[in-house]
């Protein structure tokens, strides 16, 4: 499996929005995902699979990450697995 590419900086608007959603859904700040990693993978999926696969893929990544424990290492592992699937196409 390949490691995620070096992500671009997350726009301040996205960080603010994410903080609002986390608060509204009564999640802990620690539940905030690494947005740059998810954005990079979503871009890759949208370009190499189909544009509309990006949001659904992120949802499935979140579900799989939660089922594996929900930690940052779980997210990285799931992202690597999905990235490998994209690269096999």
Protein backbone atom coordinates (compact mmCIF):
# COMPACT_ATOMS: atom_id res chain seq x y z
CA UNK A 1 0.00 0.00 0.00
CA UNK A 2 1.21 3.44 -0.77
CA UNK A 3 1.23 6.24 1.76
CA UNK A 4 -1.00 9.26 1.27
CA UNK A 5 0.46 12.03 -0.83
CA UNK A 6 1.62 15.21 0.86
CA UNK A 7 -1.64 17.08 1.44
CA UNK A 8 -2.26 20.72 0.65
CA UNK A 9 -3.11 23.17 3.42
CA UNK A 10 -6.70 23.09 4.64
CA UNK A 11 -8.55 26.37 3.94
CA UNK A 12 -9.54 28.30 7.09
CA UNK A 13 -13.20 28.17 6.05
CA UNK A 14 -13.08 24.39 6.06
CA UNK A 15 -11.46 24.28 9.49
CA UNK A 16 -14.16 26.63 10.82
CA UNK A 17 -16.96 24.59 9.21
CA UNK A 18 -15.53 21.35 10.57
CA UNK A 19 -15.38 22.83 14.07
CA UNK A 20 -19.04 23.90 13.78
CA UNK A 21 -20.14 20.45 12.62
CA UNK A 22 -18.14 18.72 15.36
CA UNK A 23 -19.81 20.95 17.97
CA UNK A 24 -23.30 20.56 16.48
CA UNK A 25 -23.01 16.78 16.38
CA UNK A 26 -21.68 16.70 19.96
CA UNK A 27 -18.39 15.13 18.91
CA UNK A 28 -15.08 15.59 20.69
CA UNK A 29 -12.40 17.77 19.15
CA UNK A 30 -10.30 14.59 18.97
CA UNK A 31 -12.90 13.19 16.55
CA UNK A 32 -11.95 15.80 13.96
CA UNK A 33 -10.38 13.94 11.02
CA UNK A 34 -7.23 14.90 9.20
CA UNK A 35 -9.02 16.97 6.57
CA UNK A 36 -5.98 17.33 4.32
CA UNK A 37 -5.61 13.56 4.01
CA UNK A 38 -9.30 13.10 3.23
CA UNK A 39 -9.33 15.96 0.73
CA UNK A 40 -6.33 14.52 -1.07
CA UNK A 41 -7.92 11.09 -1.31
CA UNK A 42 -11.27 12.55 -2.37
CA UNK A 43 -9.51 14.44 -5.16
CA UNK A 44 -7.82 11.24 -6.30
CA UNK A 45 -11.08 9.27 -6.24
CA UNK A 46 -12.95 12.03 -8.09
CA UNK A 47 -10.34 12.14 -10.86
CA UNK A 48 -9.57 8.44 -11.19
CA UNK A 49 -12.93 6.80 -10.43
CA UNK A 50 -15.79 9.27 -10.84
CA UNK A 51 -16.48 12.66 -9.33
CA UNK A 52 -19.51 11.52 -7.38
CA UNK A 53 -17.54 8.70 -5.73
CA UNK A 54 -15.66 11.19 -3.53
CA UNK A 55 -18.33 11.93 -0.91
CA UNK A 56 -19.53 8.33 -0.70
CA UNK A 57 -15.94 7.12 -0.36
CA UNK A 58 -15.35 9.55 2.52
CA UNK A 59 -18.47 8.29 4.27
CA UNK A 60 -17.32 4.68 3.88
CA UNK A 61 -13.84 5.61 5.13
CA UNK A 62 -15.42 7.17 8.22
CA UNK A 63 -17.55 4.10 8.84
CA UNK A 64 -14.61 1.72 8.45
CA UNK A 65 -12.40 3.91 10.63
CA UNK A 66 -15.02 3.98 13.40
CA UNK A 67 -15.45 0.22 13.27
CA UNK A 68 -11.69 -0.25 13.64
CA UNK A 69 -11.53 1.93 16.74
CA UNK A 70 -11.76 5.44 15.35
CA UNK A 71 -8.21 6.54 16.02
CA UNK A 72 -5.86 8.49 13.77
CA UNK A 73 -3.90 5.33 12.97
CA UNK A 74 -7.14 3.61 11.95
CA UNK A 75 -7.92 6.47 9.57
CA UNK A 76 -4.46 6.31 8.00
CA UNK A 77 -4.78 2.54 7.49
CA UNK A 78 -8.23 2.82 5.88
CA UNK A 79 -7.08 5.68 3.63
CA UNK A 80 -4.08 3.62 2.52
CA UNK A 81 -6.35 0.68 1.70
CA UNK A 82 -8.71 2.83 -0.37
CA UNK A 83 -5.79 4.57 -2.10
CA UNK A 84 -4.46 1.12 -3.09
CA UNK A 85 -7.87 0.28 -4.59
CA UNK A 86 -7.83 3.47 -6.64
CA UNK A 87 -4.31 2.77 -7.85
CA UNK A 88 -5.34 -0.72 -9.02
CA UNK A 89 -7.90 0.74 -11.42
